[in-house]
C-alpha atoms as a PDB file:
ATOM      1  CA  MET A   1     174.670 -94.550 158.700  1.00  0.00           C
ATOM      2  CA  LEU A   2     172.713 -93.584 155.594  1.00  0.00           C
ATOM      3  CA  ARG A   3     175.435 -95.097 153.444  1.00  0.00           C
ATOM      4  CA  GLU A   4     175.197 -98.391 155.352  1.00  0.00           C
ATOM      5  CA  PHE A   5     171.431 -98.348 155.013  1.00  0.00           C
ATOM      6  CA  TRP A   6     171.701 -97.743 151.272  1.00  0.00           C
ATOM      7  CA  ASN A   7     174.165-100.628 150.956  1.00  0.00           C
ATOM      8  CA  PHE A   8     171.637-102.779 152.798  1.00  0.00           C
ATOM      9  CA  ILE A   9     168.906-101.823 150.344  1.00  0.00           C
ATOM     10  CA  LYS A  10     171.196-102.585 147.388  1.00  0.00           C
ATOM     11  CA  SER A  11     171.802-106.178 148.557  1.00  0.00           C
ATOM     12  CA  PHE A  12     169.249-108.525 147.000  1.00  0.00           C
ATOM     13  CA  ARG A  13     169.661-111.223 149.639  1.00  0.00           C
ATOM     14  CA  LYS A  14     169.034-108.769 152.466  1.00  0.00           C
ATOM     15  CA  ARG A  15     165.995-107.337 150.688  1.00  0.00           C
ATOM     16  CA  PHE A  16     164.670-110.866 150.172  1.00  0.00           C
ATOM     17  CA  ALA A  17     165.081-111.569 153.904  1.00  0.00           C
ATOM     18  CA  VAL A  18     163.066-108.423 154.693  1.00  0.00           C
ATOM     19  CA  TYR A  19     160.293-109.447 152.267  1.00  0.00           C
ATOM     20  CA  TYR A  20     160.138-112.893 153.838  1.00  0.00           C
ATOM     21  CA  LEU A  21     160.074-111.497 157.386  1.00  0.00           C
ATOM     22  CA  VAL A  22     157.294-109.033 156.533  1.00  0.00           C
ATOM     23  CA  VAL A  23     155.097-111.712 154.949  1.00  0.00           C
ATOM     24  CA  LEU A  24     155.842-114.305 157.659  1.00  0.00           C
ATOM     25  CA  THR A  25     155.094-112.051 160.622  1.00  0.00           C
ATOM     26  CA  GLY A  26     152.030-110.636 158.863  1.00  0.00           C
ATOM     27  CA  SER A  27     150.766-114.173 158.315  1.00  0.00           C
ATOM     28  CA  ILE A  28     151.430-115.132 161.938  1.00  0.00           C
ATOM     29  CA  PHE A  29     149.558-112.030 163.084  1.00  0.00           C
ATOM     30  CA  GLY A  30     146.548-112.973 160.984  1.00  0.00           C
ATOM     31  CA  SER A  31     146.603-116.696 161.724  1.00  0.00           C
ATOM     32  CA  PHE A  32     147.179-117.157 165.452  1.00  0.00           C
ATOM     33  CA  PRO A  33     144.240-116.375 167.764  1.00  0.00           C
ATOM     34  CA  PHE A  34     146.389-115.666 170.824  1.00  0.00           C
ATOM     35  CA  LEU A  35     146.804-112.023 171.716  1.00  0.00           C
ATOM     36  CA  GLY A  36     150.376-112.474 172.980  1.00  0.00           C
ATOM     37  CA  VAL A  37     151.460-114.054 169.686  1.00  0.00           C
ATOM     38  CA  LYS A  38     149.715-111.300 167.746  1.00  0.00           C
ATOM     39  CA  LEU A  39     151.477-108.578 169.744  1.00  0.00           C
ATOM     40  CA  CYS A  40     154.900-110.209 169.222  1.00  0.00           C
ATOM     41  CA  ALA A  41     154.218-110.665 165.491  1.00  0.00           C
ATOM     42  CA  LEU A  42     153.008-107.078 165.217  1.00  0.00           C
ATOM     43  CA  GLY A  43     156.188-105.799 166.874  1.00  0.00           C
ATOM     44  CA  VAL A  44     158.451-107.758 164.524  1.00  0.00           C
ATOM     45  CA  PHE A  45     156.284-106.717 161.568  1.00  0.00           C
ATOM     46  CA  ILE A  46     156.643-103.035 162.465  1.00  0.00           C
ATOM     47  CA  MET A  47     160.438-103.335 162.783  1.00  0.00           C
ATOM     48  CA  SER A  48     160.809-105.213 159.501  1.00  0.00           C
ATOM     49  CA  SER A  49     158.454-102.740 157.795  1.00  0.00           C
ATOM     50  CA  ILE A  50     160.814 -99.910 158.759  1.00  0.00           C
ATOM     51  CA  PHE A  51     163.382-101.587 156.495  1.00  0.00           C
ATOM     52  CA  PHE A  52     160.783-102.501 153.891  1.00  0.00           C
ATOM     53  CA  PHE A  53     159.448 -98.960 153.447  1.00  0.00           C
ATOM     54  CA  PRO A  54     162.564 -97.429 151.806  1.00  0.00           C
ATOM     55  CA  ILE A  55     162.943-100.566 149.677  1.00  0.00           C
ATOM     56  CA  ALA A  56     159.360-100.156 148.436  1.00  0.00           C
ATOM     57  CA  VAL A  57     159.934 -96.442 147.839  1.00  0.00           C
ATOM     58  CA  SER A  58     163.039 -97.254 145.776  1.00  0.00           C
ATOM     59  CA  HIS A  59     160.949 -99.604 143.601  1.00  0.00           C
ATOM     60  CA  PHE A  60     158.367 -96.892 142.966  1.00  0.00           C
ATOM     61  CA  ALA A  61     161.074 -94.300 142.327  1.00  0.00           C
ATOM     62  CA  LEU A  62     162.701 -96.628 139.798  1.00  0.00           C
ATOM     63  CA  ALA A  63     159.365 -97.167 138.049  1.00  0.00           C
ATOM     64  CA  ILE A  64     158.744 -93.408 137.867  1.00  0.00           C
ATOM     65  CA  LYS A  65     162.282 -92.833 136.582  1.00  0.00           C
ATOM     66  CA  GLN A  66     161.733 -95.474 133.903  1.00  0.00           C
ATOM     67  CA  PHE A  67     158.459 -93.848 132.877  1.00  0.00           C
ATOM     68  CA  ILE A  68     160.085 -90.395 132.607  1.00  0.00           C
ATOM     69  CA  LEU A  69     163.003 -91.898 130.703  1.00  0.00           C
ATOM     70  CA  HIS A  70     160.662 -93.572 128.236  1.00  0.00           C
ATOM     71  CA  ARG A  71     158.789 -90.331 127.656  1.00  0.00           C
ATOM     72  CA  SER A  72     162.088 -88.616 126.814  1.00  0.00           C
ATOM     73  CA  ARG A  73     163.161 -91.215 124.248  1.00  0.00           C
ATOM     74  CA  ILE A  74     164.370 -90.058 120.834  1.00  0.00           C
ATOM     75  CA  LYS A  75     162.772 -91.895 117.948  1.00  0.00           C
ATOM     76  CA  ALA A  76     165.190 -93.265 115.375  1.00  0.00           C
ATOM     77  CA  PRO A  77     164.819 -95.147 112.095  1.00  0.00           C
ATOM     78  CA  ILE A  78     164.927 -98.912 112.503  1.00  0.00           C
ATOM     79  CA  PRO A  79     168.194-100.255 111.024  1.00  0.00           C
ATOM     80  CA  LEU A  80     167.831-102.841 108.300  1.00  0.00           C
ATOM     81  CA  GLU A  81     169.683-105.480 110.360  1.00  0.00           C
ATOM     82  CA  ILE A  82     167.221-105.143 113.234  1.00  0.00           C
ATOM     83  CA  ALA A  83     164.237-105.137 110.867  1.00  0.00           C
ATOM     84  CA  ASN A  84     165.531-108.289 109.149  1.00  0.00           C
ATOM     85  CA  MET A  85     166.175-110.024 112.479  1.00  0.00           C
ATOM     86  CA  ALA A  86     162.709-109.119 113.732  1.00  0.00           C
ATOM     87  CA  GLY A  87     161.239-110.524 110.528  1.00  0.00           C
ATOM     88  CA  LYS A  88     163.258-113.707 110.939  1.00  0.00           C
ATOM     89  CA  ALA A  89     161.993-114.042 114.497  1.00  0.00           C
ATOM     90  CA  GLY A  90     158.401-113.395 113.430  1.00  0.00           C
ATOM     91  CA  VAL A  91     158.167-110.221 115.522  1.00  0.00           C
ATOM     92  CA  SER A  92     156.858-106.824 114.450  1.00  0.00           C
ATOM     93  CA  ILE A  93     158.775-103.733 115.626  1.00  0.00           C
ATOM     94  CA  GLU A  94     157.062-100.441 114.863  1.00  0.00           C
ATOM     95  CA  GLU A  95     159.381 -98.004 116.636  1.00  0.00           C
ATOM     96  CA  LEU A  96     162.990 -97.710 117.791  1.00  0.00           C
ATOM     97  CA  GLY A  97     163.695 -95.364 120.678  1.00  0.00           C
ATOM     98  CA  ILE A  98     167.002 -94.165 122.104  1.00  0.00           C
ATOM     99  CA  VAL A  99     167.389 -93.134 125.764  1.00  0.00           C
ATOM    100  CA  LYS A 100     170.303 -92.236 128.008  1.00  0.00           C
ATOM    101  CA  ALA A 101     170.624 -95.505 129.925  1.00  0.00           C
ATOM    102  CA  ASN A 102     172.600 -98.733 130.251  1.00  0.00           C
ATOM    103  CA  ASN A 103     169.767-101.098 129.373  1.00  0.00           C
ATOM    104  CA  ALA A 104     167.277-102.071 126.706  1.00  0.00           C
ATOM    105  CA  TYR A 105     163.588-102.913 126.911  1.00  0.00           C
ATOM    106  CA  VAL A 106     160.450-103.342 124.867  1.00  0.00           C
ATOM    107  CA  LEU A 107     157.113-101.707 125.485  1.00  0.00           C
ATOM    108  CA  GLY A 108     154.355-102.976 123.237  1.00  0.00           C
ATOM    109  CA  LYS A 109     155.952-103.031 119.793  1.00  0.00           C
ATOM    110  CA  SER A 110     158.495-100.345 120.654  1.00  0.00           C
ATOM    111  CA  LEU A 111     162.142-101.305 121.111  1.00  0.00           C
ATOM    112  CA  VAL A 112     164.220 -98.937 123.257  1.00  0.00           C
ATOM    113  CA  LEU A 113     168.016 -98.999 123.493  1.00  0.00           C
ATOM    114  CA  GLY A 114     170.220 -97.071 125.906  1.00  0.00           C
ATOM    115  CA  THR A 115     173.097 -94.896 124.682  1.00  0.00           C
ATOM    116  CA  GLU A 116     175.472 -96.323 127.309  1.00  0.00           C
ATOM    117  CA  LEU A 117     174.625 -99.822 126.131  1.00  0.00           C
ATOM    118  CA  LEU A 118     175.332 -98.858 122.522  1.00  0.00           C
ATOM    119  CA  ASP A 119     178.686 -97.357 123.530  1.00  0.00           C
ATOM    120  CA  LYS A 120     179.810-100.479 125.402  1.00  0.00           C
ATOM    121  CA  LEU A 121     178.797-103.158 122.920  1.00  0.00           C
ATOM    122  CA  ASP A 122     179.946-104.036 119.439  1.00  0.00           C
ATOM    123  CA  ARG A 123     177.567-104.667 116.535  1.00  0.00           C
ATOM    124  CA  ASN A 124     177.000-108.374 117.192  1.00  0.00           C
ATOM    125  CA  GLU A 125     176.462-107.801 120.905  1.00  0.00           C
ATOM    126  CA  VAL A 126     173.910-105.067 120.255  1.00  0.00           C
ATOM    127  CA  LEU A 127     172.058-107.458 117.941  1.00  0.00           C
ATOM    128  CA  ALA A 128     172.179-110.088 120.696  1.00  0.00           C
ATOM    129  CA  VAL A 129     170.556-107.666 123.152  1.00  0.00           C
ATOM    130  CA  VAL A 130     167.938-106.796 120.534  1.00  0.00           C
ATOM    131  CA  ALA A 131     167.317-110.527 120.013  1.00  0.00           C
ATOM    132  CA  HIS A 132     166.787-110.906 123.766  1.00  0.00           C
ATOM    133  CA  GLU A 133     164.174-108.136 123.703  1.00  0.00           C
ATOM    134  CA  LEU A 134     162.513-109.655 120.639  1.00  0.00           C
ATOM    135  CA  GLY A 135     162.303-112.868 122.643  1.00  0.00           C
ATOM    136  CA  HIS A 136     160.184-111.082 125.252  1.00  0.00           C
ATOM    137  CA  ILE A 137     157.711-110.103 122.533  1.00  0.00           C
ATOM    138  CA  LYS A 138     157.744-113.412 120.683  1.00  0.00           C
ATOM    139  CA  ARG A 139     157.343-115.511 123.816  1.00  0.00           C
ATOM    140  CA  ARG A 140     154.608-113.255 125.266  1.00  0.00           C
ATOM    141  CA  HIS A 141     156.484-112.704 128.508  1.00  0.00           C
ATOM    142  CA  LEU A 142     154.492-109.604 129.433  1.00  0.00           C
ATOM    143  CA  LEU A 143     151.292-111.649 129.273  1.00  0.00           C
ATOM    144  CA  ILE A 144     152.853-114.425 131.373  1.00  0.00           C
ATOM    145  CA  ARG A 145     153.960-111.904 133.993  1.00  0.00           C
ATOM    146  CA  THR A 146     150.539-110.228 134.035  1.00  0.00           C
ATOM    147  CA  VAL A 147     148.629-113.510 134.389  1.00  0.00           C
ATOM    148  CA  SER A 148     151.016-114.609 137.158  1.00  0.00           C
ATOM    149  CA  LEU A 149     150.559-111.291 138.974  1.00  0.00           C
ATOM    150  CA  ILE A 150     146.767-111.600 138.876  1.00  0.00           C
ATOM    151  CA  LEU A 151     146.881-115.270 139.923  1.00  0.00           C
ATOM    152  CA  PHE A 152     149.154-114.636 142.912  1.00  0.00           C
ATOM    153  CA  TRP A 153     147.149-111.596 143.982  1.00  0.00           C
ATOM    154  CA  VAL A 154     143.969-113.715 143.987  1.00  0.00           C
ATOM    155  CA  ILE A 155     145.773-116.391 146.015  1.00  0.00           C
ATOM    156  CA  PHE A 156     146.924-113.751 148.493  1.00  0.00           C
ATOM    157  CA  MET A 157     143.420-112.293 148.867  1.00  0.00           C
ATOM    158  CA  LEU A 158     141.797-115.706 149.331  1.00  0.00           C
ATOM    159  CA  SER A 159     144.396-116.921 151.814  1.00  0.00           C
ATOM    160  CA  TRP A 160     144.099-113.732 153.865  1.00  0.00           C
ATOM    161  CA  SER A 161     140.301-113.486 153.588  1.00  0.00           C
ATOM    162  CA  ARG A 162     139.874-114.448 157.265  1.00  0.00           C
ATOM    163  CA  PHE A 163     142.431-111.909 158.412  1.00  0.00           C
ATOM    164  CA  SER A 164     141.218-110.667 161.807  1.00  0.00           C
ATOM    165  CA  SER A 165     142.439-109.064 165.007  1.00  0.00           C
ATOM    166  CA  PRO A 166     141.264-108.076 168.470  1.00  0.00           C
ATOM    167  CA  ILE A 167     140.473-104.402 168.898  1.00  0.00           C
ATOM    168  CA  PHE A 168     143.561-102.273 169.560  1.00  0.00           C
ATOM    169  CA  PHE A 169     142.655 -99.014 171.349  1.00  0.00           C
ATOM    170  CA  SER A 170     139.650 -98.447 169.071  1.00  0.00           C
ATOM    171  CA  GLU A 171     137.988 -99.970 166.023  1.00  0.00           C
ATOM    172  CA  THR A 172     139.354 -97.179 163.820  1.00  0.00           C
ATOM    173  CA  VAL A 173     142.953 -97.746 164.979  1.00  0.00           C
ATOM    174  CA  THR A 174     142.506-101.492 164.489  1.00  0.00           C
ATOM    175  CA  GLN A 175     141.283-100.988 160.915  1.00  0.00           C
ATOM    176  CA  ILE A 176     144.275 -98.756 160.178  1.00  0.00           C
ATOM    177  CA  ILE A 177     146.646-101.430 161.545  1.00  0.00           C
ATOM    178  CA  LEU A 178     144.957-104.168 159.517  1.00  0.00           C
ATOM    179  CA  ALA A 179     144.966-102.068 156.325  1.00  0.00           C
ATOM    180  CA  ALA A 180     148.675-101.255 156.767  1.00  0.00           C
ATOM    181  CA  ILE A 181     149.591-104.904 157.367  1.00  0.00           C
ATOM    182  CA  TRP A 182     147.452-106.040 154.417  1.00  0.00           C
ATOM    183  CA  ASN A 183     149.015-103.601 151.961  1.00  0.00           C
ATOM    184  CA  ILE A 184     152.631-103.889 153.113  1.00  0.00           C
ATOM    185  CA  ALA A 185     152.553-107.682 153.357  1.00  0.00           C
ATOM    186  CA  GLY A 186     150.664-107.939 150.054  1.00  0.00           C
ATOM    187  CA  PHE A 187     153.291-105.942 148.187  1.00  0.00           C
ATOM    188  CA  ALA A 188     156.118-107.915 149.814  1.00  0.00           C
ATOM    189  CA  PHE A 189     154.368-111.190 148.967  1.00  0.00           C
ATOM    190  CA  LEU A 190     153.998-110.240 145.297  1.00  0.00           C
ATOM    191  CA  LEU A 191     157.633-109.163 145.072  1.00  0.00           C
ATOM    192  CA  VAL A 192     158.756-112.527 146.460  1.00  0.00           C
ATOM    193  CA  VAL A 193     156.505-114.857 144.456  1.00  0.00           C
ATOM    194  CA  LEU A 194     157.126-113.053 141.156  1.00  0.00           C
ATOM    195  CA  ILE A 195     160.917-113.402 141.427  1.00  0.00           C
ATOM    196  CA  PRO A 196     161.047-116.939 139.931  1.00  0.00           C
ATOM    197  CA  ILE A 197     158.630-115.903 137.166  1.00  0.00           C
ATOM    198  CA  ASN A 198     160.771-112.898 136.280  1.00  0.00           C
ATOM    199  CA  TRP A 199     163.953-114.964 136.328  1.00  0.00           C
ATOM    200  CA  LEU A 200     162.488-117.719 134.157  1.00  0.00           C
ATOM    201  CA  VAL A 201     161.265-115.337 131.444  1.00  0.00           C
ATOM    202  CA  GLU A 202     164.671-113.624 131.374  1.00  0.00           C
ATOM    203  CA  LEU A 203     166.397-116.986 130.960  1.00  0.00           C
ATOM    204  CA  ASP A 204     163.871-117.865 128.251  1.00  0.00           C
ATOM    205  CA  ALA A 205     164.669-114.611 126.411  1.00  0.00           C
ATOM    206  CA  ASP A 206     168.401-115.392 126.712  1.00  0.00           C
ATOM    207  CA  LYS A 207     167.739-118.777 125.128  1.00  0.00           C
ATOM    208  CA  PHE A 208     165.756-117.140 122.326  1.00  0.00           C
ATOM    209  CA  ALA A 209     168.648-114.729 121.677  1.00  0.00           C
ATOM    210  CA  ALA A 210     171.182-117.551 121.712  1.00  0.00           C
ATOM    211  CA  LYS A 211     169.176-119.404 119.065  1.00  0.00           C
ATOM    212  CA  LEU A 212     168.866-116.295 116.938  1.00  0.00           C
ATOM    213  CA  VAL A 213     172.398-114.841 117.059  1.00  0.00           C
ATOM    214  CA  GLY A 214     174.582-117.405 118.851  1.00  0.00           C
ATOM    215  CA  LYS A 215     175.531-118.054 122.456  1.00  0.00           C
ATOM    216  CA  GLU A 216     178.841-116.188 122.460  1.00  0.00           C
ATOM    217  CA  HIS A 217     177.363-112.832 121.461  1.00  0.00           C
ATOM    218  CA  ILE A 218     174.660-112.765 124.146  1.00  0.00           C
ATOM    219  CA  LYS A 219     177.180-113.966 126.748  1.00  0.00           C
ATOM    220  CA  SER A 220     179.734-111.268 125.924  1.00  0.00           C
ATOM    221  CA  ALA A 221     176.998-108.600 125.881  1.00  0.00           C
ATOM    222  CA  LEU A 222     175.807-109.596 129.359  1.00  0.00           C
ATOM    223  CA  LEU A 223     179.340-109.583 130.760  1.00  0.00           C
ATOM    224  CA  LYS A 224     180.054-106.110 129.361  1.00  0.00           C
ATOM    225  CA  LEU A 225     176.872-104.589 130.776  1.00  0.00           C
ATOM    226  CA  VAL A 226     177.584-105.349 134.431  1.00  0.00           C
ATOM    227  CA  ASP A 227     180.477-104.460 136.731  1.00  0.00           C
ATOM    228  CA  ALA A 228     182.762-107.339 137.685  1.00  0.00           C
ATOM    229  CA  ASP A 229     181.855-107.074 141.372  1.00  0.00           C
ATOM    230  CA  LYS A 230     178.141-107.483 140.553  1.00  0.00           C
ATOM    231  CA  LEU A 231     178.325-110.634 138.451  1.00  0.00           C
ATOM    232  CA  GLU A 232     176.924-112.771 141.273  1.00  0.00           C
ATOM    233  CA  GLU A 233     174.253-110.292 142.396  1.00  0.00           C
ATOM    234  CA  PRO A 234     170.681-111.026 141.249  1.00  0.00           C
ATOM    235  CA  SER A 235     167.679-108.711 141.526  1.00  0.00           C
ATOM    236  CA  GLU A 236     163.919-109.035 141.781  1.00  0.00           C
ATOM    237  CA  THR A 237     163.641-108.921 137.991  1.00  0.00           C
ATOM    238  CA  HIS A 238     166.820-110.651 136.756  1.00  0.00           C
ATOM    239  CA  PRO A 239     168.955-113.589 137.860  1.00  0.00           C
ATOM    240  CA  SER A 240     172.649-112.830 138.294  1.00  0.00           C
ATOM    241  CA  VAL A 241     174.700-112.421 135.133  1.00  0.00           C
ATOM    242  CA  ALA A 242     176.914-115.296 136.306  1.00  0.00           C
ATOM    243  CA  GLU A 243     173.857-117.564 136.454  1.00  0.00           C
ATOM    244  CA  ARG A 244     172.597-116.375 133.077  1.00  0.00           C
ATOM    245  CA  VAL A 245     175.967-116.988 131.417  1.00  0.00           C
ATOM    246  CA  ASN A 246     176.149-120.420 133.040  1.00  0.00           C
ATOM    247  CA  ARG A 247     172.678-121.301 131.725  1.00  0.00           C
ATOM    248  CA  ILE A 248     173.577-120.080 128.240  1.00  0.00           C
ATOM    249  CA  ASP A 249     176.709-122.260 128.265  1.00  0.00           C
ATOM    250  CA  LYS A 250     174.555-125.301 129.028  1.00  0.00           C
ATOM    251  CA  LEU A 251     171.954-124.596 126.341  1.00  0.00           C
ATOM    252  CA  GLU A 252     171.426-127.308 123.752  1.00  0.00           C
ATOM    253  CA  LEU A 253     169.418-124.852 121.641  1.00  0.00           C
ATOM    254  CA  ARG A 254     166.428-127.075 121.102  1.00  0.00           C
ATOM    255  CA  ARG A 255     162.796-126.559 122.004  1.00  0.00           C
ATOM    256  CA  GLY A 256     162.844-126.363 125.769  1.00  0.00           C
ATOM    257  CA  GLY A 257     160.502-127.357 128.534  1.00  0.00           C
ATOM    258  CA  GLY A 258     160.054-126.069 132.018  1.00  0.00           C
ATOM    259  CA  PHE A 259     157.715-123.618 133.625  1.00  0.00           C
ATOM    260  CA  VAL A 260     157.701-120.965 130.892  1.00  0.00           C
ATOM    261  CA  CYS A 261     156.822-123.476 128.170  1.00  0.00           C
ATOM    262  CA  LEU A 262     154.143-124.951 130.436  1.00  0.00           C
ATOM    263  CA  MET A 263     152.672-121.474 131.000  1.00  0.00           C
ATOM    264  CA  ARG A 264     152.741-120.801 127.273  1.00  0.00           C
ATOM    265  CA  ARG A 265     150.881-124.051 126.564  1.00  0.00           C
ATOM    266  CA  ILE A 266     148.287-123.253 129.258  1.00  0.00           C
ATOM    267  CA  LEU A 267     147.740-119.809 127.702  1.00  0.00           C
ATOM    268  CA  GLY A 268     147.599-121.287 124.190  1.00  0.00           C
ATOM    269  CA  LEU A 269     150.686-119.408 123.022  1.00  0.00           C
ATOM    270  CA  SER A 270     152.779-122.375 121.810  1.00  0.00           C
END
């Protein structure tokens, strides 16, 4: 049973359905004035929240694991090839870190590469992954994500500002119920609405890497870093590798448009 539950949590589409159900029933509970509707919505919300809780815990556990992993990184000298590529891209890298992982990321002006990633990829593919990470810095993706998070949180707070309920048992119990619904639904809402933002910035970083090192290298790197049975599986932070490779194939490698470029113009980053 636990194995089946874990497989459920691992499926993005099932997680997305849970997020949607939590937000929808929470909204119905807060919007409809009829007690019968509220009770039905509350019941469905509680059942869906039972599935949502371990999913949320897994997100926090992953974040804590990433934090611990980053703290354990080994600092290494920046290779000349990476320094030259960063200079060509107009990006400043002050530190290179090595961790035991199968991914790469940037934090501030620190570039971190996983040992498993380095073992799987050849030189050109490693440079393609580095170019992708440089794209996150160059295109200010962290700022775009942060602004989007704040914007959607404000929208959530304003739209739920009239959230109300009849008294259940006592005023204290009612406040506990409302606080639980607010926090659970709020987290689920943010996870859902940030998915397209996360996907778009990842695709934008892929495009940046393709311009810098060539489409074939970033494509082959992506395909090597994921198991064959997971090519079609997206996540909250990344579109599926199959989708990313398909988008890279279609790139014309010119200055693009779309949501990310619009956000960059709004923020004065273009």
